[in-house]
Structure formats: C-alpha cells, structure tokens
C-alpha cells in the first residue's frame, strides 16, 4: 500500500489457497464403538489418514477454482475498501483508491467520507 495524500495505491496479489487443516486424531479423541457387536476396527491412524486424503482432494479441487479465488479476492477488496472508507469518514477525507492487481490490471475507485 502506498499513500500519497488522498491517493492510495493498493497492490492486491492473486488469491490462492494457503492451507487446510493439519488435524491429527489421537487415541483418546477418535470415534470408536467398543460394544462387542458393533466393534469399530477403525483406528486413530485410519481416521487421520482419511482426513489427510480428504484434505488433499479438497486442495486439488479448490486450489484451481478460479471463480472461488476471484470471489475471495473481491471479498478482501471490499474489506479493505470498507476500512479505508471508515477512516475517511472519521477524518473527513475522500480517498481515491487505485487497485493494482498482481496480473497488472488496475481499476480506480473513489471512497467517499462524510
């Protein structure tokens, strides 16, 4: 972010999936039935492996979902705009925002402050 008076240039990177949960199930926390008839042969290690496999599938599915990533980028932009708009309202300044995208597309936005 660069600020020059009432002009603010904000560089926004392309959205990307950062990480998923890194969840490990321990012996005392996994779901199991030990009543003899419905004995569950699934171990904590089995459940941890299943969660890791599901995370890998989710990552593969969403890491390249351009629509979802663009929506995430748009949400980030709205949050930043709202924050700057609020600062402008408090200070009585109308800021001009120039968005600079990682892929070199830019747009100008005016945020009004009262």
PDB file of N, CA and C in Angstrom:
ATOM      1  N   UNK A   1       0.844  -1.161   0.000  1.00  0.00           N
ATOM      2  CA  UNK A   1       0.000   0.000   0.000  1.00  0.00           C
ATOM      3  C   UNK A   1       0.896   1.233   0.000  1.00  0.00           C
ATOM      4  N   UNK A   2       0.593   2.139  -0.893  1.00  0.00           N
ATOM      5  CA  UNK A   2       1.307   3.415  -0.939  1.00  0.00           C
ATOM      6  C   UNK A   2       0.293   4.541  -0.780  1.00  0.00           C
ATOM      7  N   UNK A   3       0.602   5.483   0.104  1.00  0.00           N
ATOM      8  CA  UNK A   3      -0.303   6.594   0.366  1.00  0.00           C
ATOM      9  C   UNK A   3       0.388   7.889  -0.022  1.00  0.00           C
ATOM     10  N   UNK A   4      -0.303   8.668  -0.835  1.00  0.00           N
ATOM     11  CA  UNK A   4       0.191   9.977  -1.244  1.00  0.00           C
ATOM     12  C   UNK A   4      -0.974  10.947  -1.077  1.00  0.00           C
ATOM     13  N   UNK A   5      -1.085  11.533   0.103  1.00  0.00           N
ATOM     14  CA  UNK A   5      -2.199  12.430   0.394  1.00  0.00           C
ATOM     15  C   UNK A   5      -3.510  11.667   0.407  1.00  0.00           C
ATOM     16  N   UNK A   6      -4.404  12.036  -0.532  1.00  0.00           N
ATOM     17  CA  UNK A   6      -5.708  11.383  -0.626  1.00  0.00           C
ATOM     18  C   UNK A   6      -5.701  10.235  -1.622  1.00  0.00           C
ATOM     19  N   UNK A   7      -4.579   9.984  -2.248  1.00  0.00           N
ATOM     20  CA  UNK A   7      -4.464   8.912  -3.235  1.00  0.00           C
ATOM     21  C   UNK A   7      -3.781   7.702  -2.595  1.00  0.00           C
ATOM     22  N   UNK A   8      -4.451   6.576  -2.717  1.00  0.00           N
ATOM     23  CA  UNK A   8      -3.925   5.341  -2.137  1.00  0.00           C
ATOM     24  C   UNK A   8      -3.814   4.303  -3.245  1.00  0.00           C
ATOM     25  N   UNK A   9      -2.632   3.745  -3.419  1.00  0.00           N
ATOM     26  CA  UNK A   9      -2.425   2.640  -4.369  1.00  0.00           C
ATOM     27  C   UNK A   9      -2.257   1.367  -3.552  1.00  0.00           C
ATOM     28  N   UNK A  10      -3.083   0.384  -3.876  1.00  0.00           N
ATOM     29  CA  UNK A  10      -3.037  -0.880  -3.148  1.00  0.00           C
ATOM     30  C   UNK A  10      -2.767  -1.999  -4.145  1.00  0.00           C
ATOM     31  N   UNK A  11      -1.705  -2.728  -3.908  1.00  0.00           N
ATOM     32  CA  UNK A  11      -1.390  -3.891  -4.740  1.00  0.00           C
ATOM     33  C   UNK A  11      -2.022  -5.099  -4.091  1.00  0.00           C
ATOM     34  N   UNK A  12      -2.838  -5.789  -4.852  1.00  0.00           N
ATOM     35  CA  UNK A  12      -3.522  -6.957  -4.324  1.00  0.00           C
ATOM     36  C   UNK A  12      -3.071  -8.182  -5.112  1.00  0.00           C
ATOM     37  N   UNK A  13      -2.486  -9.147  -4.427  1.00  0.00           N
ATOM     38  CA  UNK A  13      -1.996 -10.343  -5.125  1.00  0.00           C
ATOM     39  C   UNK A  13      -3.148 -11.239  -5.548  1.00  0.00           C
ATOM     40  N   UNK A  14      -2.860 -12.135  -6.466  1.00  0.00           N
ATOM     41  CA  UNK A  14      -3.853 -13.132  -6.848  1.00  0.00           C
ATOM     42  C   UNK A  14      -4.168 -13.980  -5.625  1.00  0.00           C
ATOM     43  N   UNK A  15      -5.436 -14.278  -5.464  1.00  0.00           N
ATOM     44  CA  UNK A  15      -5.834 -15.130  -4.335  1.00  0.00           C
ATOM     45  C   UNK A  15      -5.321 -16.542  -4.572  1.00  0.00           C
ATOM     46  N   UNK A  16      -4.970 -17.193  -3.473  1.00  0.00           N
ATOM     47  CA  UNK A  16      -4.543 -18.581  -3.577  1.00  0.00           C
ATOM     48  C   UNK A  16      -4.909 -19.312  -2.299  1.00  0.00           C
ATOM     49  N   UNK A  17      -5.082 -20.598  -2.413  1.00  0.00           N
ATOM     50  CA  UNK A  17      -5.375 -21.423  -1.260  1.00  0.00           C
ATOM     51  C   UNK A  17      -4.095 -21.577  -0.462  1.00  0.00           C
ATOM     52  N   UNK A  18      -4.117 -21.144   0.789  1.00  0.00           N
ATOM     53  CA  UNK A  18      -2.907 -21.184   1.596  1.00  0.00           C
ATOM     54  C   UNK A  18      -2.696 -22.529   2.263  1.00  0.00           C
ATOM     55  N   UNK A  19      -3.672 -23.005   2.974  1.00  0.00           N
ATOM     56  CA  UNK A  19      -3.519 -24.298   3.647  1.00  0.00           C
ATOM     57  C   UNK A  19      -4.880 -24.786   4.110  1.00  0.00           C
ATOM     58  N   UNK A  20      -4.936 -26.047   4.407  1.00  0.00           N
ATOM     59  CA  UNK A  20      -6.105 -26.652   5.020  1.00  0.00           C
ATOM     60  C   UNK A  20      -5.711 -27.078   6.427  1.00  0.00           C
ATOM     61  N   UNK A  21      -6.646 -27.652   7.118  1.00  0.00           N
ATOM     62  CA  UNK A  21      -6.346 -28.062   8.488  1.00  0.00           C
ATOM     63  C   UNK A  21      -5.242 -29.105   8.515  1.00  0.00           C
ATOM     64  N   UNK A  22      -4.503 -29.089   9.572  1.00  0.00           N
ATOM     65  CA  UNK A  22      -3.471 -30.095   9.795  1.00  0.00           C
ATOM     66  C   UNK A  22      -3.899 -30.834  11.058  1.00  0.00           C
ATOM     67  N   UNK A  23      -4.913 -31.655  10.896  1.00  0.00           N
ATOM     68  CA  UNK A  23      -5.558 -32.269  12.041  1.00  0.00           C
ATOM     69  C   UNK A  23      -5.088 -33.703  12.210  1.00  0.00           C
ATOM     70  N   UNK A  24      -4.646 -34.027  13.387  1.00  0.00           N
ATOM     71  CA  UNK A  24      -4.231 -35.385  13.720  1.00  0.00           C
ATOM     72  C   UNK A  24      -5.127 -35.888  14.838  1.00  0.00           C
ATOM     73  N   UNK A  25      -5.652 -37.070  14.649  1.00  0.00           N
ATOM     74  CA  UNK A  25      -6.512 -37.658  15.666  1.00  0.00           C
ATOM     75  C   UNK A  25      -5.650 -38.495  16.602  1.00  0.00           C
ATOM     76  N   UNK A  26      -5.826 -38.264  17.888  1.00  0.00           N
ATOM     77  CA  UNK A  26      -5.071 -39.047  18.873  1.00  0.00           C
ATOM     78  C   UNK A  26      -5.965 -40.157  19.425  1.00  0.00           C
ATOM     79  N   UNK A  27      -5.372 -41.096  20.052  1.00  0.00           N
ATOM     80  CA  UNK A  27      -6.063 -42.305  20.520  1.00  0.00           C
ATOM     81  C   UNK A  27      -7.325 -42.001  21.321  1.00  0.00           C
ATOM     82  N   UNK A  28      -7.291 -40.998  22.189  1.00  0.00           N
ATOM     83  CA  UNK A  28      -8.445 -40.700  23.039  1.00  0.00           C
ATOM     84  C   UNK A  28      -9.494 -39.814  22.389  1.00  0.00           C
ATOM     85  N   UNK A  29      -9.273 -39.360  21.156  1.00  0.00           N
ATOM     86  CA  UNK A  29     -10.222 -38.426  20.556  1.00  0.00           C
ATOM     87  C   UNK A  29     -10.942 -38.972  19.330  1.00  0.00           C
ATOM     88  N   UNK A  30     -10.629 -40.169  18.897  1.00  0.00           N
ATOM     89  CA  UNK A  30     -11.277 -40.647  17.687  1.00  0.00           C
ATOM     90  C   UNK A  30     -12.565 -41.401  18.016  1.00  0.00           C
ATOM     91  N   UNK A  31     -13.448 -41.488  17.006  1.00  0.00           N
ATOM     92  CA  UNK A  31     -14.748 -42.128  17.180  1.00  0.00           C
ATOM     93  C   UNK A  31     -14.578 -43.632  17.089  1.00  0.00           C
ATOM     94  N   UNK A  32     -15.096 -44.326  18.086  1.00  0.00           N
ATOM     95  CA  UNK A  32     -14.956 -45.773  18.114  1.00  0.00           C
ATOM     96  C   UNK A  32     -16.110 -46.379  18.907  1.00  0.00           C
ATOM     97  N   UNK A  33     -16.502 -47.559  18.497  1.00  0.00           N
ATOM     98  CA  UNK A  33     -17.525 -48.294  19.230  1.00  0.00           C
ATOM     99  C   UNK A  33     -16.886 -49.586  19.708  1.00  0.00           C
ATOM    100  N   UNK A  34     -16.942 -49.826  20.977  1.00  0.00           N
ATOM    101  CA  UNK A  34     -16.255 -50.989  21.536  1.00  0.00           C
ATOM    102  C   UNK A  34     -17.246 -51.868  22.302  1.00  0.00           C
ATOM    103  N   UNK A  35     -18.486 -51.988  21.750  1.00  0.00           N
ATOM    104  CA  UNK A  35     -19.503 -52.736  22.486  1.00  0.00           C
ATOM    105  C   UNK A  35     -19.550 -54.219  22.117  1.00  0.00           C
ATOM    106  N   UNK A  36     -18.604 -54.723  21.379  1.00  0.00           N
ATOM    107  CA  UNK A  36     -18.538 -56.135  21.037  1.00  0.00           C
ATOM    108  C   UNK A  36     -19.257 -56.476  19.757  1.00  0.00           C
ATOM    109  N   UNK A  37     -20.514 -56.102  19.619  1.00  0.00           N
ATOM    110  CA  UNK A  37     -21.287 -56.401  18.411  1.00  0.00           C
ATOM    111  C   UNK A  37     -20.899 -55.445  17.289  1.00  0.00           C
ATOM    112  N   UNK A  38     -20.821 -54.171  17.598  1.00  0.00           N
ATOM    113  CA  UNK A  38     -20.521 -53.143  16.609  1.00  0.00           C
ATOM    114  C   UNK A  38     -19.096 -52.627  16.753  1.00  0.00           C
ATOM    115  N   UNK A  39     -18.200 -53.499  17.076  1.00  0.00           N
ATOM    116  CA  UNK A  39     -16.813 -53.072  17.290  1.00  0.00           C
ATOM    117  C   UNK A  39     -16.286 -52.386  16.032  1.00  0.00           C
ATOM    118  N   UNK A  40     -15.721 -51.212  16.249  1.00  0.00           N
ATOM    119  CA  UNK A  40     -15.211 -50.403  15.150  1.00  0.00           C
ATOM    120  C   UNK A  40     -13.715 -50.658  15.009  1.00  0.00           C
ATOM    121  N   UNK A  41     -13.315 -51.310  13.908  1.00  0.00           N
ATOM    122  CA  UNK A  41     -11.889 -51.594  13.745  1.00  0.00           C
ATOM    123  C   UNK A  41     -11.074 -50.405  13.234  1.00  0.00           C
ATOM    124  N   UNK A  42     -11.699 -49.240  13.119  1.00  0.00           N
ATOM    125  CA  UNK A  42     -11.007 -48.062  12.608  1.00  0.00           C
ATOM    126  C   UNK A  42     -10.186 -47.444  13.738  1.00  0.00           C
ATOM    127  N   UNK A  43      -8.924 -47.205  13.472  1.00  0.00           N
ATOM    128  CA  UNK A  43      -8.022 -46.644  14.478  1.00  0.00           C
ATOM    129  C   UNK A  43      -7.871 -45.140  14.294  1.00  0.00           C
ATOM    130  N   UNK A  44      -7.210 -44.506  15.244  1.00  0.00           N
ATOM    131  CA  UNK A  44      -6.906 -43.082  15.129  1.00  0.00           C
ATOM    132  C   UNK A  44      -6.060 -42.821  13.885  1.00  0.00           C
ATOM    133  N   UNK A  45      -5.138 -43.712  13.596  1.00  0.00           N
ATOM    134  CA  UNK A  45      -4.288 -43.562  12.408  1.00  0.00           C
ATOM    135  C   UNK A  45      -5.118 -43.642  11.133  1.00  0.00           C
ATOM    136  N   UNK A  46      -6.127 -44.571  11.103  1.00  0.00           N
ATOM    137  CA  UNK A  46      -7.021 -44.678   9.950  1.00  0.00           C
ATOM    138  C   UNK A  46      -7.780 -43.369   9.727  1.00  0.00           C
ATOM    139  N   UNK A  47      -8.283 -42.810  10.814  1.00  0.00           N
ATOM    140  CA  UNK A  47      -9.055 -41.581  10.702  1.00  0.00           C
ATOM    141  C   UNK A  47      -8.168 -40.401  10.291  1.00  0.00           C
ATOM    142  N   UNK A  48      -6.963 -40.328  10.827  1.00  0.00           N
ATOM    143  CA  UNK A  48      -6.028 -39.275  10.430  1.00  0.00           C
ATOM    144  C   UNK A  48      -5.696 -39.389   8.948  1.00  0.00           C
ATOM    145  N   UNK A  49      -5.476 -40.607   8.471  1.00  0.00           N
ATOM    146  CA  UNK A  49      -5.181 -40.824   7.050  1.00  0.00           C
ATOM    147  C   UNK A  49      -6.378 -40.442   6.178  1.00  0.00           C
ATOM    148  N   UNK A  50      -7.588 -40.753   6.628  1.00  0.00           N
ATOM    149  CA  UNK A  50      -8.789 -40.392   5.868  1.00  0.00           C
ATOM    150  C   UNK A  50      -8.944 -38.880   5.776  1.00  0.00           C
ATOM    151  N   UNK A  51      -8.668 -38.179   6.874  1.00  0.00           N
ATOM    152  CA  UNK A  51      -8.754 -36.713   6.865  1.00  0.00           C
ATOM    153  C   UNK A  51      -7.686 -36.127   5.944  1.00  0.00           C
ATOM    154  N   UNK A  52      -6.485 -36.681   5.971  1.00  0.00           N
ATOM    155  CA  UNK A  52      -5.413 -36.202   5.090  1.00  0.00           C
ATOM    156  C   UNK A  52      -5.791 -36.419   3.625  1.00  0.00           C
ATOM    157  N   UNK A  53      -6.391 -37.567   3.306  1.00  0.00           N
ATOM    158  CA  UNK A  53      -6.812 -37.832   1.928  1.00  0.00           C
ATOM    159  C   UNK A  53      -7.919 -36.871   1.507  1.00  0.00           C
ATOM    160  N   UNK A  54      -8.869 -36.608   2.414  1.00  0.00           N
ATOM    161  CA  UNK A  54      -9.935 -35.658   2.106  1.00  0.00           C
ATOM    162  C   UNK A  54      -9.369 -34.256   1.902  1.00  0.00           C
ATOM    163  N   UNK A  55      -8.428 -33.839   2.751  1.00  0.00           N
ATOM    164  CA  UNK A  55      -7.782 -32.534   2.586  1.00  0.00           C
ATOM    165  C   UNK A  55      -7.075 -32.428   1.240  1.00  0.00           C
ATOM    166  N   UNK A  56      -6.414 -33.490   0.813  1.00  0.00           N
ATOM    167  CA  UNK A  56      -5.719 -33.487  -0.478  1.00  0.00           C
ATOM    168  C   UNK A  56      -6.714 -33.324  -1.621  1.00  0.00           C
ATOM    169  N   UNK A  57      -7.859 -33.991  -1.517  1.00  0.00           N
ATOM    170  CA  UNK A  57      -8.889 -33.853  -2.556  1.00  0.00           C
ATOM    171  C   UNK A  57      -9.472 -32.445  -2.568  1.00  0.00           C
ATOM    172  N   UNK A  58      -9.728 -31.903  -1.386  1.00  0.00           N
ATOM    173  CA  UNK A  58     -10.264 -30.547  -1.286  1.00  0.00           C
ATOM    174  C   UNK A  58      -9.264 -29.542  -1.859  1.00  0.00           C
ATOM    175  N   UNK A  59      -7.994 -29.706  -1.500  1.00  0.00           N
ATOM    176  CA  UNK A  59      -6.963 -28.797  -2.006  1.00  0.00           C
ATOM    177  C   UNK A  59      -6.892 -28.864  -3.527  1.00  0.00           C
ATOM    178  N   UNK A  60      -6.921 -30.059  -4.071  1.00  0.00           N
ATOM    179  CA  UNK A  60      -6.866 -30.212  -5.522  1.00  0.00           C
ATOM    180  C   UNK A  60      -8.093 -29.576  -6.174  1.00  0.00           C
ATOM    181  N   UNK A  61      -9.248 -29.727  -5.557  1.00  0.00           N
ATOM    182  CA  UNK A  61     -10.484 -29.183  -6.099  1.00  0.00           C
ATOM    183  C   UNK A  61     -10.500 -27.657  -6.063  1.00  0.00           C
ATOM    184  N   UNK A  62     -10.098 -27.075  -4.920  1.00  0.00           N
ATOM    185  CA  UNK A  62     -10.243 -25.637  -4.742  1.00  0.00           C
ATOM    186  C   UNK A  62      -9.025 -24.808  -5.134  1.00  0.00           C
ATOM    187  N   UNK A  63      -7.854 -25.373  -5.136  1.00  0.00           N
ATOM    188  CA  UNK A  63      -6.655 -24.592  -5.446  1.00  0.00           C
ATOM    189  C   UNK A  63      -6.705 -24.011  -6.851  1.00  0.00           C
ATOM    190  N   UNK A  64      -7.410 -24.659  -7.760  1.00  0.00           N
ATOM    191  CA  UNK A  64      -7.501 -24.187  -9.139  1.00  0.00           C
ATOM    192  C   UNK A  64      -8.888 -23.682  -9.496  1.00  0.00           C
ATOM    193  N   UNK A  65      -9.727 -23.439  -8.502  1.00  0.00           N
ATOM    194  CA  UNK A  65     -11.078 -22.936  -8.737  1.00  0.00           C
ATOM    195  C   UNK A  65     -11.014 -21.414  -8.872  1.00  0.00           C
ATOM    196  N   UNK A  66     -10.860 -20.949 -10.107  1.00  0.00           N
ATOM    197  CA  UNK A  66     -10.677 -19.515 -10.355  1.00  0.00           C
ATOM    198  C   UNK A  66     -11.863 -18.684  -9.873  1.00  0.00           C
ATOM    199  N   UNK A  67     -13.077 -19.218  -9.989  1.00  0.00           N
ATOM    200  CA  UNK A  67     -14.257 -18.470  -9.540  1.00  0.00           C
ATOM    201  C   UNK A  67     -14.203 -18.238  -8.043  1.00  0.00           C
ATOM    202  N   UNK A  68     -13.893 -19.276  -7.281  1.00  0.00           N
ATOM    203  CA  UNK A  68     -13.807 -19.146  -5.838  1.00  0.00           C
ATOM    204  C   UNK A  68     -12.675 -18.194  -5.444  1.00  0.00           C
ATOM    205  N   UNK A  69     -11.533 -18.315  -6.124  1.00  0.00           N
ATOM    206  CA  UNK A  69     -10.403 -17.454  -5.808  1.00  0.00           C
ATOM    207  C   UNK A  69     -10.713 -15.989  -6.128  1.00  0.00           C
ATOM    208  N   UNK A  70     -11.431 -15.750  -7.224  1.00  0.00           N
ATOM    209  CA  UNK A  70     -11.811 -14.366  -7.556  1.00  0.00           C
ATOM    210  C   UNK A  70     -12.789 -13.816  -6.529  1.00  0.00           C
ATOM    211  N   UNK A  71     -13.728 -14.649  -6.057  1.00  0.00           N
ATOM    212  CA  UNK A  71     -14.659 -14.197  -5.015  1.00  0.00           C
ATOM    213  C   UNK A  71     -13.898 -13.865  -3.732  1.00  0.00           C
ATOM    214  N   UNK A  72     -12.905 -14.663  -3.403  1.00  0.00           N
ATOM    215  CA  UNK A  72     -12.094 -14.387  -2.212  1.00  0.00           C
ATOM    216  C   UNK A  72     -11.348 -13.068  -2.369  1.00  0.00           C
ATOM    217  N   UNK A  73     -10.799 -12.829  -3.549  1.00  0.00           N
ATOM    218  CA  UNK A  73     -10.082 -11.581  -3.815  1.00  0.00           C
ATOM    219  C   UNK A  73     -11.042 -10.396  -3.733  1.00  0.00           C
ATOM    220  N   UNK A  74     -12.246 -10.562  -4.265  1.00  0.00           N
ATOM    221  CA  UNK A  74     -13.246  -9.490  -4.195  1.00  0.00           C
ATOM    222  C   UNK A  74     -13.658  -9.201  -2.757  1.00  0.00           C
ATOM    223  N   UNK A  75     -13.801 -10.250  -1.942  1.00  0.00           N
ATOM    224  CA  UNK A  75     -14.149 -10.045  -0.527  1.00  0.00           C
ATOM    225  C   UNK A  75     -13.041  -9.286   0.203  1.00  0.00           C
ATOM    226  N   UNK A  76     -11.799  -9.639  -0.097  1.00  0.00           N
ATOM    227  CA  UNK A  76     -10.674  -8.933   0.527  1.00  0.00           C
ATOM    228  C   UNK A  76     -10.698  -7.458   0.130  1.00  0.00           C
ATOM    229  N   UNK A  77     -10.980  -7.210  -1.132  1.00  0.00           N
ATOM    230  CA  UNK A  77     -11.040  -5.839  -1.623  1.00  0.00           C
ATOM    231  C   UNK A  77     -12.143  -5.045  -0.916  1.00  0.00           C
ATOM    232  N   UNK A  78     -13.299  -5.652  -0.737  1.00  0.00           N
ATOM    233  CA  UNK A  78     -14.413  -4.987  -0.064  1.00  0.00           C
ATOM    234  C   UNK A  78     -14.048  -4.668   1.387  1.00  0.00           C
ATOM    235  N   UNK A  79     -13.397  -5.604   2.063  1.00  0.00           N
ATOM    236  CA  UNK A  79     -12.982  -5.352   3.449  1.00  0.00           C
ATOM    237  C   UNK A  79     -12.011  -4.186   3.546  1.00  0.00           C
ATOM    238  N   UNK A  80     -11.057  -4.139   2.629  1.00  0.00           N
ATOM    239  CA  UNK A  80     -10.080  -3.047   2.624  1.00  0.00           C
ATOM    240  C   UNK A  80     -10.768  -1.727   2.311  1.00  0.00           C
ATOM    241  N   UNK A  81     -11.670  -1.736   1.312  1.00  0.00           N
ATOM    242  CA  UNK A  81     -12.412  -0.518   0.963  1.00  0.00           C
ATOM    243  C   UNK A  81     -13.232  -0.015   2.150  1.00  0.00           C
ATOM    244  N   UNK A  82     -13.916  -0.939   2.835  1.00  0.00           N
ATOM    245  CA  UNK A  82     -14.721  -0.544   3.992  1.00  0.00           C
ATOM    246  C   UNK A  82     -13.853   0.061   5.090  1.00  0.00           C
ATOM    247  N   UNK A  83     -12.681  -0.504   5.312  1.00  0.00           N
ATOM    248  CA  UNK A  83     -11.774   0.018   6.327  1.00  0.00           C
ATOM    249  C   UNK A  83     -11.314   1.434   5.961  1.00  0.00           C
ATOM    250  N   UNK A  84     -10.902   1.611   4.714  1.00  0.00           N
ATOM    251  CA  UNK A  84     -10.441   2.931   4.278  1.00  0.00           C
ATOM    252  C   UNK A  84     -11.600   3.925   4.291  1.00  0.00           C
ATOM    253  N   UNK A  85     -12.792   3.467   3.901  1.00  0.00           N
ATOM    254  CA  UNK A  85     -13.971   4.326   3.929  1.00  0.00           C
ATOM    255  C   UNK A  85     -14.255   4.784   5.355  1.00  0.00           C
ATOM    256  N   UNK A  86     -14.147   3.875   6.288  1.00  0.00           N
ATOM    257  CA  UNK A  86     -14.374   4.231   7.695  1.00  0.00           C
ATOM    258  C   UNK A  86     -13.335   5.249   8.178  1.00  0.00           C
ATOM    259  N   UNK A  87     -12.078   5.039   7.819  1.00  0.00           N
ATOM    260  CA  UNK A  87     -11.042   6.015   8.180  1.00  0.00           C
ATOM    261  C   UNK A  87     -11.335   7.375   7.556  1.00  0.00           C
ATOM    262  N   UNK A  88     -11.796   7.358   6.310  1.00  0.00           N
ATOM    263  CA  UNK A  88     -12.145   8.609   5.643  1.00  0.00           C
ATOM    264  C   UNK A  88     -13.291   9.323   6.329  1.00  0.00           C
ATOM    265  N   UNK A  89     -14.305   8.561   6.776  1.00  0.00           N
ATOM    266  CA  UNK A  89     -15.426   9.163   7.496  1.00  0.00           C
ATOM    267  C   UNK A  89     -14.955   9.820   8.789  1.00  0.00           C
ATOM    268  N   UNK A  90     -14.054   9.146   9.479  1.00  0.00           N
ATOM    269  CA  UNK A  90     -13.548   9.689  10.740  1.00  0.00           C
ATOM    270  C   UNK A  90     -12.712  10.948  10.541  1.00  0.00           C
ATOM    271  N   UNK A  91     -11.977  11.001   9.423  1.00  0.00           N
ATOM    272  CA  UNK A  91     -11.082  12.140   9.194  1.00  0.00           C
ATOM    273  C   UNK A  91     -11.652  13.175   8.236  1.00  0.00           C
ATOM    274  N   UNK A  92     -12.801  12.871   7.614  1.00  0.00           N
ATOM    275  CA  UNK A  92     -13.407  13.825   6.680  1.00  0.00           C
ATOM    276  C   UNK A  92     -12.667  13.928   5.357  1.00  0.00           C
ATOM    277  N   UNK A  93     -12.009  12.863   4.947  1.00  0.00           N
ATOM    278  CA  UNK A  93     -11.231  12.859   3.706  1.00  0.00           C
ATOM    279  C   UNK A  93     -11.846  11.874   2.721  1.00  0.00           C
ATOM    280  N   UNK A  94     -11.922  12.279   1.457  1.00  0.00           N
ATOM    281  CA  UNK A  94     -12.378  11.380   0.401  1.00  0.00           C
ATOM    282  C   UNK A  94     -11.138  10.792  -0.277  1.00  0.00           C
ATOM    283  N   UNK A  95     -10.925   9.524  -0.062  1.00  0.00           N
ATOM    284  CA  UNK A  95      -9.755   8.856  -0.613  1.00  0.00           C
ATOM    285  C   UNK A  95     -10.034   8.321  -2.012  1.00  0.00           C
ATOM    286  N   UNK A  96      -9.022   8.390  -2.855  1.00  0.00           N
ATOM    287  CA  UNK A  96      -9.059   7.793  -4.197  1.00  0.00           C
ATOM    288  C   UNK A  96      -8.183   6.548  -4.145  1.00  0.00           C
ATOM    289  N   UNK A  97      -8.774   5.401  -4.461  1.00  0.00           N
ATOM    290  CA  UNK A  97      -8.016   4.155  -4.411  1.00  0.00           C
ATOM    291  C   UNK A  97      -7.727   3.662  -5.814  1.00  0.00           C
ATOM    292  N   UNK A  98      -6.473   3.349  -6.044  1.00  0.00           N
ATOM    293  CA  UNK A  98      -6.045   2.723  -7.294  1.00  0.00           C
ATOM    294  C   UNK A  98      -5.656   1.286  -6.970  1.00  0.00           C
ATOM    295  N   UNK A  99      -6.421   0.330  -7.500  1.00  0.00           N
ATOM    296  CA  UNK A  99      -6.129  -1.087  -7.262  1.00  0.00           C
ATOM    297  C   UNK A  99      -5.142  -1.565  -8.301  1.00  0.00           C
ATOM    298  N   UNK A 100      -4.081  -2.155  -7.852  1.00  0.00           N
ATOM    299  CA  UNK A 100      -3.079  -2.728  -8.754  1.00  0.00           C
ATOM    300  C   UNK A 100      -3.086  -4.233  -8.492  1.00  0.00           C
ATOM    301  N   UNK A 101      -3.504  -4.974  -9.484  1.00  0.00           N
ATOM    302  CA  UNK A 101      -3.589  -6.427  -9.341  1.00  0.00           C
ATOM    303  C   UNK A 101      -2.273  -7.066  -9.739  1.00  0.00           C
ATOM    304  N   UNK A 102      -2.000  -8.207  -9.148  1.00  0.00           N
ATOM    305  CA  UNK A 102      -0.773  -8.930  -9.451  1.00  0.00           C
ATOM    306  C   UNK A 102      -0.645  -9.199 -10.948  1.00  0.00           C
ATOM    307  N   UNK A 103      -1.788  -9.364 -11.626  1.00  0.00           N
ATOM    308  CA  UNK A 103      -1.744  -9.611 -13.071  1.00  0.00           C
ATOM    309  C   UNK A 103      -1.769  -8.312 -13.880  1.00  0.00           C
ATOM    310  N   UNK A 104      -1.458  -7.170 -13.207  1.00  0.00           N
ATOM    311  CA  UNK A 104      -1.284  -5.850 -13.823  1.00  0.00           C
ATOM    312  C   UNK A 104      -2.554  -5.208 -14.358  1.00  0.00           C
ATOM    313  N   UNK A 105      -3.722  -5.637 -13.904  1.00  0.00           N
ATOM    314  CA  UNK A 105      -4.969  -4.964 -14.249  1.00  0.00           C
ATOM    315  C   UNK A 105      -5.270  -4.010 -13.116  1.00  0.00           C
ATOM    316  N   UNK A 106      -5.596  -2.756 -13.424  1.00  0.00           N
ATOM    317  CA  UNK A 106      -5.919  -1.823 -12.340  1.00  0.00           C
ATOM    318  C   UNK A 106      -7.261  -1.153 -12.569  1.00  0.00           C
ATOM    319  N   UNK A 107      -7.866  -0.741 -11.485  1.00  0.00           N
ATOM    320  CA  UNK A 107      -9.122  -0.016 -11.520  1.00  0.00           C
ATOM    321  C   UNK A 107      -9.010   1.126 -10.513  1.00  0.00           C
ATOM    322  N   UNK A 108      -9.727   2.214 -10.782  1.00  0.00           N
ATOM    323  CA  UNK A 108      -9.764   3.327  -9.840  1.00  0.00           C
ATOM    324  C   UNK A 108     -11.108   3.316  -9.126  1.00  0.00           C
ATOM    325  N   UNK A 109     -11.081   3.512  -7.834  1.00  0.00           N
ATOM    326  CA  UNK A 109     -12.290   3.566  -7.025  1.00  0.00           C
ATOM    327  C   UNK A 109     -12.220   4.802  -6.159  1.00  0.00           C
ATOM    328  N   UNK A 110     -13.358   5.456  -6.009  1.00  0.00           N
ATOM    329  CA  UNK A 110     -13.456   6.574  -5.090  1.00  0.00           C
ATOM    330  C   UNK A 110     -14.231   6.114  -3.865  1.00  0.00           C
ATOM    331  N   UNK A 111     -13.700   6.409  -2.727  1.00  0.00           N
ATOM    332  CA  UNK A 111     -14.391   6.135  -1.481  1.00  0.00           C
ATOM    333  C   UNK A 111     -14.710   7.470  -0.849  1.00  0.00           C
ATOM    334  N   UNK A 112     -15.985   7.668  -0.600  1.00  0.00           N
ATOM    335  CA  UNK A 112     -16.412   8.949  -0.035  1.00  0.00           C
ATOM    336  C   UNK A 112     -16.425   8.892   1.473  1.00  0.00           C
ATOM    337  N   UNK A 113     -16.016   9.977   2.064  1.00  0.00           N
ATOM    338  CA  UNK A 113     -16.078  10.127   3.514  1.00  0.00           C
ATOM    339  C   UNK A 113     -16.894  11.353   3.836  1.00  0.00           C
ATOM    340  N   UNK A 114     -17.701  11.243   4.843  1.00  0.00           N
ATOM    341  CA  UNK A 114     -18.563  12.385   5.202  1.00  0.00           C
ATOM    342  C   UNK A 114     -18.063  13.046   6.442  1.00  0.00           C
TER     343      UNK A 114
END
